[in-house]
Amino acid sequence: MDIFPADIVMSTAGRDQEHLFYVLEVQDDYVLYADGRGRKMESPKRKKIKHIKQVARVDTRVAEKLRKGEKVLNSELRRDLADFGQKLIRQDQGG
């Protein structure tokens, strides 16, 4: 599984199971991720790659800023992930 910074992933284990996050950094067998709410940019969660699932690679403004190493606000992460989550729900419901 190839996971890169700015990918959207879902946790498959732990308290944050089934929550969406943006990958901030990849370190060997670990990723650092944040969602702007419970896990802020200033204190990302470090988790083993085997405990996450890649959901999507998106081309949003936030993803572009993460790839370029630019400053991203927690509010931007929250908004982007909420929009993406709504799209996933609509797809699951066939809409």
PDB file of N, CA and C in Angstrom:
ATOM      1  N   MET A   1       0.856  -1.171   0.000  1.00  0.00           N
ATOM      2  CA  MET A   1       0.000   0.000   0.000  1.00  0.00           C
ATOM      3  C   MET A   1       0.901   1.232   0.000  1.00  0.00           C
ATOM      4  N   ASP A   2       0.738   2.052  -0.992  1.00  0.00           N
ATOM      5  CA  ASP A   2       1.527   3.278  -1.094  1.00  0.00           C
ATOM      6  C   ASP A   2       0.715   4.444  -0.568  1.00  0.00           C
ATOM      7  N   ILE A   3       1.149   4.989   0.545  1.00  0.00           N
ATOM      8  CA  ILE A   3       0.483   6.139   1.140  1.00  0.00           C
ATOM      9  C   ILE A   3       1.438   7.313   1.093  1.00  0.00           C
ATOM     10  N   PHE A   4       0.916   8.448   0.678  1.00  0.00           N
ATOM     11  CA  PHE A   4       1.714   9.654   0.531  1.00  0.00           C
ATOM     12  C   PHE A   4       1.087  10.803   1.318  1.00  0.00           C
ATOM     13  N   PRO A   5       1.881  11.827   1.625  1.00  0.00           N
ATOM     14  CA  PRO A   5       1.309  13.018   2.266  1.00  0.00           C
ATOM     15  C   PRO A   5       0.165  13.572   1.421  1.00  0.00           C
ATOM     16  N   ALA A   6      -0.876  14.029   2.091  1.00  0.00           N
ATOM     17  CA  ALA A   6      -2.089  14.605   1.501  1.00  0.00           C
ATOM     18  C   ALA A   6      -3.113  13.551   1.086  1.00  0.00           C
ATOM     19  N   ASP A   7      -2.823  12.265   1.282  1.00  0.00           N
ATOM     20  CA  ASP A   7      -3.834  11.238   1.046  1.00  0.00           C
ATOM     21  C   ASP A   7      -4.846  11.278   2.184  1.00  0.00           C
ATOM     22  N   ILE A   8      -6.074  10.914   1.878  1.00  0.00           N
ATOM     23  CA  ILE A   8      -7.089  10.772   2.917  1.00  0.00           C
ATOM     24  C   ILE A   8      -7.120   9.304   3.312  1.00  0.00           C
ATOM     25  N   VAL A   9      -7.015   9.060   4.618  1.00  0.00           N
ATOM     26  CA  VAL A   9      -6.996   7.694   5.133  1.00  0.00           C
ATOM     27  C   VAL A   9      -8.070   7.537   6.209  1.00  0.00           C
ATOM     28  N   MET A  10      -8.389   6.271   6.491  1.00  0.00           N
ATOM     29  CA  MET A  10      -9.326   5.945   7.554  1.00  0.00           C
ATOM     30  C   MET A  10      -8.619   5.018   8.535  1.00  0.00           C
ATOM     31  N   SER A  11      -8.768   5.303   9.809  1.00  0.00           N
ATOM     32  CA  SER A  11      -8.187   4.463  10.833  1.00  0.00           C
ATOM     33  C   SER A  11      -8.988   3.165  10.919  1.00  0.00           C
ATOM     34  N   THR A  12      -8.294   2.022  11.008  1.00  0.00           N
ATOM     35  CA  THR A  12      -8.971   0.727  11.103  1.00  0.00           C
ATOM     36  C   THR A  12      -8.856   0.126  12.493  1.00  0.00           C
ATOM     37  N   ALA A  13      -8.161   0.813  13.403  1.00  0.00           N
ATOM     38  CA  ALA A  13      -7.997   0.296  14.760  1.00  0.00           C
ATOM     39  C   ALA A  13      -7.844   1.448  15.737  1.00  0.00           C
ATOM     40  N   GLY A  14      -8.271   1.219  16.954  1.00  0.00           N
ATOM     41  CA  GLY A  14      -8.107   2.225  17.991  1.00  0.00           C
ATOM     42  C   GLY A  14      -9.352   3.065  18.208  1.00  0.00           C
ATOM     43  N   ARG A  15      -9.220   4.057  19.077  1.00  0.00           N
ATOM     44  CA  ARG A  15     -10.351   4.940  19.402  1.00  0.00           C
ATOM     45  C   ARG A  15     -10.861   5.724  18.212  1.00  0.00           C
ATOM     46  N   ASP A  16      -9.955   6.019  17.305  1.00  0.00           N
ATOM     47  CA  ASP A  16     -10.323   6.824  16.138  1.00  0.00           C
ATOM     48  C   ASP A  16     -10.759   5.972  14.951  1.00  0.00           C
ATOM     49  N   GLN A  17     -11.126   4.722  15.210  1.00  0.00           N
ATOM     50  CA  GLN A  17     -11.526   3.794  14.159  1.00  0.00           C
ATOM     51  C   GLN A  17     -12.653   4.382  13.317  1.00  0.00           C
ATOM     52  N   GLU A  18     -12.523   4.249  11.997  1.00  0.00           N
ATOM     53  CA  GLU A  18     -13.480   4.708  10.996  1.00  0.00           C
ATOM     54  C   GLU A  18     -13.577   6.222  10.863  1.00  0.00           C
ATOM     55  N   HIS A  19     -12.613   6.960  11.414  1.00  0.00           N
ATOM     56  CA  HIS A  19     -12.552   8.398  11.213  1.00  0.00           C
ATOM     57  C   HIS A  19     -11.628   8.701  10.031  1.00  0.00           C
ATOM     58  N   LEU A  20     -11.910   9.796   9.333  1.00  0.00           N
ATOM     59  CA  LEU A  20     -11.100  10.227   8.193  1.00  0.00           C
ATOM     60  C   LEU A  20     -10.025  11.204   8.648  1.00  0.00           C
ATOM     61  N   PHE A  21      -8.854  11.102   8.034  1.00  0.00           N
ATOM     62  CA  PHE A  21      -7.722  11.960   8.358  1.00  0.00           C
ATOM     63  C   PHE A  21      -6.943  12.282   7.093  1.00  0.00           C
ATOM     64  N   TYR A  22      -6.202  13.382   7.130  1.00  0.00           N
ATOM     65  CA  TYR A  22      -5.226  13.705   6.094  1.00  0.00           C
ATOM     66  C   TYR A  22      -3.861  13.246   6.587  1.00  0.00           C
ATOM     67  N   VAL A  23      -3.111  12.579   5.720  1.00  0.00           N
ATOM     68  CA  VAL A  23      -1.736  12.188   6.039  1.00  0.00           C
ATOM     69  C   VAL A  23      -0.852  13.426   5.910  1.00  0.00           C
ATOM     70  N   LEU A  24      -0.076  13.707   6.956  1.00  0.00           N
ATOM     71  CA  LEU A  24       0.830  14.847   6.931  1.00  0.00           C
ATOM     72  C   LEU A  24       2.240  14.417   6.549  1.00  0.00           C
ATOM     73  N   GLU A  25       2.619  13.231   7.017  1.00  0.00           N
ATOM     74  CA  GLU A  25       3.985  12.764   6.785  1.00  0.00           C
ATOM     75  C   GLU A  25       4.016  11.243   6.855  1.00  0.00           C
ATOM     76  N   VAL A  26       4.915  10.635   6.074  1.00  0.00           N
ATOM     77  CA  VAL A  26       5.114   9.186   6.103  1.00  0.00           C
ATOM     78  C   VAL A  26       6.520   8.920   6.613  1.00  0.00           C
ATOM     79  N   GLN A  27       6.627   8.057   7.640  1.00  0.00           N
ATOM     80  CA  GLN A  27       7.928   7.724   8.244  1.00  0.00           C
ATOM     81  C   GLN A  27       8.047   6.205   8.329  1.00  0.00           C
ATOM     82  N   ASP A  28       8.770   5.586   7.435  1.00  0.00           N
ATOM     83  CA  ASP A  28       8.956   4.130   7.417  1.00  0.00           C
ATOM     84  C   ASP A  28       7.618   3.412   7.505  1.00  0.00           C
ATOM     85  N   ASP A  29       7.339   2.735   8.647  1.00  0.00           N
ATOM     86  CA  ASP A  29       6.099   1.975   8.823  1.00  0.00           C
ATOM     87  C   ASP A  29       5.002   2.787   9.501  1.00  0.00           C
ATOM     88  N   TYR A  30       5.219   4.085   9.639  1.00  0.00           N
ATOM     89  CA  TYR A  30       4.262   4.936  10.343  1.00  0.00           C
ATOM     90  C   TYR A  30       3.822   6.106   9.469  1.00  0.00           C
ATOM     91  N   VAL A  31       2.667   6.667   9.832  1.00  0.00           N
ATOM     92  CA  VAL A  31       2.233   7.928   9.237  1.00  0.00           C
ATOM     93  C   VAL A  31       1.898   8.891  10.368  1.00  0.00           C
ATOM     94  N   LEU A  32       2.000  10.165  10.074  1.00  0.00           N
ATOM     95  CA  LEU A  32       1.502  11.200  10.975  1.00  0.00           C
ATOM     96  C   LEU A  32       0.263  11.759  10.297  1.00  0.00           C
ATOM     97  N   TYR A  33      -0.846  11.806  11.046  1.00  0.00           N
ATOM     98  CA  TYR A  33      -2.057  12.318  10.434  1.00  0.00           C
ATOM     99  C   TYR A  33      -2.816  13.234  11.367  1.00  0.00           C
ATOM    100  N   ALA A  34      -3.716  14.028  10.765  1.00  0.00           N
ATOM    101  CA  ALA A  34      -4.513  14.984  11.530  1.00  0.00           C
ATOM    102  C   ALA A  34      -5.859  15.168  10.840  1.00  0.00           C
ATOM    103  N   ASP A  35      -6.842  15.595  11.639  1.00  0.00           N
ATOM    104  CA  ASP A  35      -8.158  15.893  11.073  1.00  0.00           C
ATOM    105  C   ASP A  35      -8.615  17.313  11.395  1.00  0.00           C
ATOM    106  N   GLY A  36      -7.805  18.045  12.160  1.00  0.00           N
ATOM    107  CA  GLY A  36      -8.146  19.419  12.493  1.00  0.00           C
ATOM    108  C   GLY A  36      -9.101  19.552  13.659  1.00  0.00           C
ATOM    109  N   ARG A  37      -9.594  18.437  14.181  1.00  0.00           N
ATOM    110  CA  ARG A  37     -10.539  18.466  15.290  1.00  0.00           C
ATOM    111  C   ARG A  37      -9.905  17.798  16.515  1.00  0.00           C
ATOM    112  N   GLY A  38      -9.982  16.480  16.582  1.00  0.00           N
ATOM    113  CA  GLY A  38      -9.377  15.748  17.692  1.00  0.00           C
ATOM    114  C   GLY A  38      -7.862  15.691  17.576  1.00  0.00           C
ATOM    115  N   ARG A  39      -7.394  15.635  16.346  1.00  0.00           N
ATOM    116  CA  ARG A  39      -5.955  15.616  16.057  1.00  0.00           C
ATOM    117  C   ARG A  39      -5.623  16.837  15.224  1.00  0.00           C
ATOM    118  N   LYS A  40      -5.001  17.793  15.865  1.00  0.00           N
ATOM    119  CA  LYS A  40      -4.695  19.063  15.203  1.00  0.00           C
ATOM    120  C   LYS A  40      -3.346  18.984  14.483  1.00  0.00           C
ATOM    121  N   MET A  41      -3.109  19.942  13.616  1.00  0.00           N
ATOM    122  CA  MET A  41      -1.856  20.025  12.864  1.00  0.00           C
ATOM    123  C   MET A  41      -0.653  20.117  13.797  1.00  0.00           C
ATOM    124  N   GLU A  42      -0.840  20.774  14.933  1.00  0.00           N
ATOM    125  CA  GLU A  42       0.268  20.997  15.862  1.00  0.00           C
ATOM    126  C   GLU A  42       0.660  19.719  16.607  1.00  0.00           C
ATOM    127  N   SER A  43      -0.257  18.751  16.705  1.00  0.00           N
ATOM    128  CA  SER A  43       0.038  17.502  17.415  1.00  0.00           C
ATOM    129  C   SER A  43      -0.590  16.321  16.676  1.00  0.00           C
ATOM    130  N   PRO A  44      -0.018  15.977  15.514  1.00  0.00           N
ATOM    131  CA  PRO A  44      -0.595  14.886  14.724  1.00  0.00           C
ATOM    132  C   PRO A  44      -0.413  13.533  15.412  1.00  0.00           C
ATOM    133  N   LYS A  45      -1.261  12.587  15.053  1.00  0.00           N
ATOM    134  CA  LYS A  45      -1.197  11.233  15.587  1.00  0.00           C
ATOM    135  C   LYS A  45      -0.205  10.421  14.761  1.00  0.00           C
ATOM    136  N   ARG A  46       0.620   9.634  15.451  1.00  0.00           N
ATOM    137  CA  ARG A  46       1.554   8.727  14.779  1.00  0.00           C
ATOM    138  C   ARG A  46       0.949   7.334  14.851  1.00  0.00           C
ATOM    139  N   LYS A  47       0.745   6.708  13.713  1.00  0.00           N
ATOM    140  CA  LYS A  47       0.086   5.406  13.688  1.00  0.00           C
ATOM    141  C   LYS A  47       0.746   4.499  12.667  1.00  0.00           C
ATOM    142  N   LYS A  48       0.771   3.209  12.972  1.00  0.00           N
ATOM    143  CA  LYS A  48       1.336   2.249  12.038  1.00  0.00           C
ATOM    144  C   LYS A  48       0.491   2.170  10.777  1.00  0.00           C
ATOM    145  N   ILE A  49       1.160   2.036   9.653  1.00  0.00           N
ATOM    146  CA  ILE A  49       0.474   1.975   8.369  1.00  0.00           C
ATOM    147  C   ILE A  49      -0.496   0.803   8.317  1.00  0.00           C
ATOM    148  N   LYS A  50      -0.171  -0.290   8.992  1.00  0.00           N
ATOM    149  CA  LYS A  50      -1.066  -1.455   8.920  1.00  0.00           C
ATOM    150  C   LYS A  50      -2.400  -1.203   9.630  1.00  0.00           C
ATOM    151  N   HIS A  51      -2.499  -0.136  10.404  1.00  0.00           N
ATOM    152  CA  HIS A  51      -3.741   0.187  11.110  1.00  0.00           C
ATOM    153  C   HIS A  51      -4.545   1.295  10.437  1.00  0.00           C
ATOM    154  N   ILE A  52      -4.207   1.587   9.186  1.00  0.00           N
ATOM    155  CA  ILE A  52      -4.984   2.575   8.434  1.00  0.00           C
ATOM    156  C   ILE A  52      -5.293   2.024   7.048  1.00  0.00           C
ATOM    157  N   LYS A  53      -6.293   2.622   6.419  1.00  0.00           N
ATOM    158  CA  LYS A  53      -6.682   2.231   5.071  1.00  0.00           C
ATOM    159  C   LYS A  53      -6.741   3.490   4.219  1.00  0.00           C
ATOM    160  N   GLN A  54      -6.101   3.444   3.064  1.00  0.00           N
ATOM    161  CA  GLN A  54      -6.155   4.589   2.160  1.00  0.00           C
ATOM    162  C   GLN A  54      -7.554   4.668   1.565  1.00  0.00           C
ATOM    163  N   VAL A  55      -8.145   5.859   1.639  1.00  0.00           N
ATOM    164  CA  VAL A  55      -9.494   6.061   1.126  1.00  0.00           C
ATOM    165  C   VAL A  55      -9.450   6.764  -0.225  1.00  0.00           C
ATOM    166  N   ALA A  56      -8.623   7.806  -0.324  1.00  0.00           N
ATOM    167  CA  ALA A  56      -8.587   8.559  -1.580  1.00  0.00           C
ATOM    168  C   ALA A  56      -7.332   9.405  -1.672  1.00  0.00           C
ATOM    169  N   ARG A  57      -7.001   9.734  -2.903  1.00  0.00           N
ATOM    170  CA  ARG A  57      -5.971  10.733  -3.187  1.00  0.00           C
ATOM    171  C   ARG A  57      -6.710  11.854  -3.908  1.00  0.00           C
ATOM    172  N   VAL A  58      -6.818  12.989  -3.265  1.00  0.00           N
ATOM    173  CA  VAL A  58      -7.651  14.075  -3.792  1.00  0.00           C
ATOM    174  C   VAL A  58      -6.802  15.233  -4.301  1.00  0.00           C
ATOM    175  N   ASP A  59      -7.425  16.049  -5.120  1.00  0.00           N
ATOM    176  CA  ASP A  59      -6.764  17.236  -5.670  1.00  0.00           C
ATOM    177  C   ASP A  59      -7.492  18.491  -5.200  1.00  0.00           C
ATOM    178  N   THR A  60      -7.589  18.648  -3.893  1.00  0.00           N
ATOM    179  CA  THR A  60      -8.209  19.845  -3.339  1.00  0.00           C
ATOM    180  C   THR A  60      -7.127  20.870  -3.020  1.00  0.00           C
ATOM    181  N   ARG A  61      -7.538  22.064  -2.687  1.00  0.00           N
ATOM    182  CA  ARG A  61      -6.604  23.129  -2.310  1.00  0.00           C
ATOM    183  C   ARG A  61      -5.788  22.708  -1.088  1.00  0.00           C
ATOM    184  N   VAL A  62      -6.448  22.077  -0.119  1.00  0.00           N
ATOM    185  CA  VAL A  62      -5.764  21.631   1.104  1.00  0.00           C
ATOM    186  C   VAL A  62      -4.723  20.570   0.776  1.00  0.00           C
ATOM    187  N   ALA A  63      -5.088  19.604  -0.048  1.00  0.00           N
ATOM    188  CA  ALA A  63      -4.150  18.543  -0.426  1.00  0.00           C
ATOM    189  C   ALA A  63      -2.937  19.137  -1.138  1.00  0.00           C
ATOM    190  N   GLU A  64      -3.177  20.095  -2.003  1.00  0.00           N
ATOM    191  CA  GLU A  64      -2.078  20.747  -2.719  1.00  0.00           C
ATOM    192  C   GLU A  64      -1.143  21.469  -1.748  1.00  0.00           C
ATOM    193  N   LYS A  65      -1.720  22.165  -0.774  1.00  0.00           N
ATOM    194  CA  LYS A  65      -0.908  22.877   0.213  1.00  0.00           C
ATOM    195  C   LYS A  65      -0.077  21.887   1.039  1.00  0.00           C
ATOM    196  N   LEU A  66      -0.668  20.746   1.400  1.00  0.00           N
ATOM    197  CA  LEU A  66       0.070  19.734   2.165  1.00  0.00           C
ATOM    198  C   LEU A  66       1.233  19.184   1.345  1.00  0.00           C
ATOM    199  N   ARG A  67       0.994  18.911   0.071  1.00  0.00           N
ATOM    200  CA  ARG A  67       2.058  18.379  -0.791  1.00  0.00           C
ATOM    201  C   ARG A  67       3.209  19.362  -0.941  1.00  0.00           C
ATOM    202  N   LYS A  68       2.882  20.658  -0.986  1.00  0.00           N
ATOM    203  CA  LYS A  68       3.911  21.688  -1.151  1.00  0.00           C
ATOM    204  C   LYS A  68       4.561  22.086   0.168  1.00  0.00           C
ATOM    205  N   GLY A  69       4.038  21.590   1.280  1.00  0.00           N
ATOM    206  CA  GLY A  69       4.604  21.947   2.576  1.00  0.00           C
ATOM    207  C   GLY A  69       4.174  23.313   3.070  1.00  0.00           C
ATOM    208  N   GLU A  70       3.089  23.841   2.522  1.00  0.00           N
ATOM    209  CA  GLU A  70       2.588  25.139   2.946  1.00  0.00           C
ATOM    210  C   GLU A  70       1.763  24.997   4.228  1.00  0.00           C
ATOM    211  N   LYS A  71       1.540  26.118   4.894  1.00  0.00           N
ATOM    212  CA  LYS A  71       0.769  26.113   6.141  1.00  0.00           C
ATOM    213  C   LYS A  71      -0.700  25.813   5.846  1.00  0.00           C
ATOM    214  N   VAL A  72      -1.248  24.865   6.614  1.00  0.00           N
ATOM    215  CA  VAL A  72      -2.660  24.495   6.501  1.00  0.00           C
ATOM    216  C   VAL A  72      -3.304  24.714   7.859  1.00  0.00           C
ATOM    217  N   LEU A  73      -4.453  25.343   7.872  1.00  0.00           N
ATOM    218  CA  LEU A  73      -5.166  25.593   9.120  1.00  0.00           C
ATOM    219  C   LEU A  73      -6.021  24.388   9.500  1.00  0.00           C
ATOM    220  N   ASN A  74      -6.237  24.211  10.803  1.00  0.00           N
ATOM    221  CA  ASN A  74      -7.091  23.123  11.272  1.00  0.00           C
ATOM    222  C   ASN A  74      -8.502  23.247  10.694  1.00  0.00           C
ATOM    223  N   SER A  75      -8.985  24.471  10.570  1.00  0.00           N
ATOM    224  CA  SER A  75     -10.329  24.682  10.026  1.00  0.00           C
ATOM    225  C   SER A  75     -10.412  24.216   8.572  1.00  0.00           C
ATOM    226  N   GLU A  76      -9.323  24.371   7.819  1.00  0.00           N
ATOM    227  CA  GLU A  76      -9.303  23.899   6.428  1.00  0.00           C
ATOM    228  C   GLU A  76      -9.384  22.377   6.380  1.00  0.00           C
ATOM    229  N   LEU A  77      -8.636  21.719   7.273  1.00  0.00           N
ATOM    230  CA  LEU A  77      -8.683  20.251   7.331  1.00  0.00           C
ATOM    231  C   LEU A  77     -10.095  19.783   7.657  1.00  0.00           C
ATOM    232  N   ARG A  78     -10.691  20.380   8.680  1.00  0.00           N
ATOM    233  CA  ARG A  78     -12.045  19.983   9.098  1.00  0.00           C
ATOM    234  C   ARG A  78     -13.042  20.127   7.954  1.00  0.00           C
ATOM    235  N   ARG A  79     -13.003  21.276   7.286  1.00  0.00           N
ATOM    236  CA  ARG A  79     -13.951  21.555   6.203  1.00  0.00           C
ATOM    237  C   ARG A  79     -13.772  20.562   5.051  1.00  0.00           C
ATOM    238  N   ASP A  80     -12.535  20.347   4.659  1.00  0.00           N
ATOM    239  CA  ASP A  80     -12.251  19.434   3.549  1.00  0.00           C
ATOM    240  C   ASP A  80     -12.690  18.010   3.866  1.00  0.00           C
ATOM    241  N   LEU A  81     -12.363  17.534   5.064  1.00  0.00           N
ATOM    242  CA  LEU A  81     -12.727  16.166   5.436  1.00  0.00           C
ATOM    243  C   LEU A  81     -14.237  16.019   5.589  1.00  0.00           C
ATOM    244  N   ALA A  82     -14.916  17.047   6.086  1.00  0.00           N
ATOM    245  CA  ALA A  82     -16.380  17.003   6.199  1.00  0.00           C
ATOM    246  C   ALA A  82     -17.011  16.919   4.813  1.00  0.00           C
ATOM    247  N   ASP A  83     -16.522  17.729   3.874  1.00  0.00           N
ATOM    248  CA  ASP A  83     -17.034  17.692   2.499  1.00  0.00           C
ATOM    249  C   ASP A  83     -16.803  16.314   1.880  1.00  0.00           C
ATOM    250  N   PHE A  84     -15.606  15.779   2.075  1.00  0.00           N
ATOM    251  CA  PHE A  84     -15.283  14.468   1.514  1.00  0.00           C
ATOM    252  C   PHE A  84     -16.161  13.388   2.137  1.00  0.00           C
ATOM    253  N   GLY A  85     -16.367  13.449   3.459  1.00  0.00           N
ATOM    254  CA  GLY A  85     -17.215  12.477   4.147  1.00  0.00           C
ATOM    255  C   GLY A  85     -18.640  12.509   3.628  1.00  0.00           C
ATOM    256  N   GLN A  86     -19.162  13.701   3.352  1.00  0.00           N
ATOM    257  CA  GLN A  86     -20.516  13.826   2.798  1.00  0.00           C
ATOM    258  C   GLN A  86     -20.596  13.193   1.409  1.00  0.00           C
ATOM    259  N   LYS A  87     -19.558  13.374   0.603  1.00  0.00           N
ATOM    260  CA  LYS A  87     -19.536  12.767  -0.718  1.00  0.00           C
ATOM    261  C   LYS A  87     -19.531  11.246  -0.610  1.00  0.00           C
ATOM    262  N   LEU A  88     -18.764  10.698   0.343  1.00  0.00           N
ATOM    263  CA  LEU A  88     -18.727   9.256   0.562  1.00  0.00           C
ATOM    264  C   LEU A  88     -20.094   8.734   0.956  1.00  0.00           C
ATOM    265  N   ILE A  89     -20.760   9.437   1.848  1.00  0.00           N
ATOM    266  CA  ILE A  89     -22.090   9.015   2.300  1.00  0.00           C
ATOM    267  C   ILE A  89     -23.071   9.008   1.127  1.00  0.00           C
ATOM    268  N   ARG A  90     -23.031  10.052   0.309  1.00  0.00           N
ATOM    269  CA  ARG A  90     -23.927  10.106  -0.861  1.00  0.00           C
ATOM    270  C   ARG A  90     -23.643   8.971  -1.828  1.00  0.00           C
ATOM    271  N   GLN A  91     -22.365   8.639  -2.029  1.00  0.00           N
ATOM    272  CA  GLN A  91     -22.016   7.526  -2.920  1.00  0.00           C
ATOM    273  C   GLN A  91     -22.547   6.213  -2.363  1.00  0.00           C
ATOM    274  N   ASP A  92     -22.400   6.009  -1.048  1.00  0.00           N
ATOM    275  CA  ASP A  92     -22.885   4.779  -0.425  1.00  0.00           C
ATOM    276  C   ASP A  92     -24.392   4.635  -0.541  1.00  0.00           C
ATOM    277  N   GLN A  93     -25.097   5.768  -0.555  1.00  0.00           N
ATOM    278  CA  GLN A  93     -26.546   5.744  -0.651  1.00  0.00           C
ATOM    279  C   GLN A  93     -27.016   5.745  -2.094  1.00  0.00           C
ATOM    280  N   GLY A  94     -26.076   5.723  -3.015  1.00  0.00           N
ATOM    281  CA  GLY A  94     -26.414   5.642  -4.425  1.00  0.00           C
ATOM    282  C   GLY A  94     -26.817   6.952  -5.053  1.00  0.00           C
ATOM    283  N   GLY A  95     -26.382   8.075  -4.457  1.00  0.00           N
ATOM    284  CA  GLY A  95     -26.785   9.385  -4.981  1.00  0.00           C
ATOM    285  C   GLY A  95     -25.701  10.117  -5.555  1.00  0.00           C
TER     286      GLY A  95
END
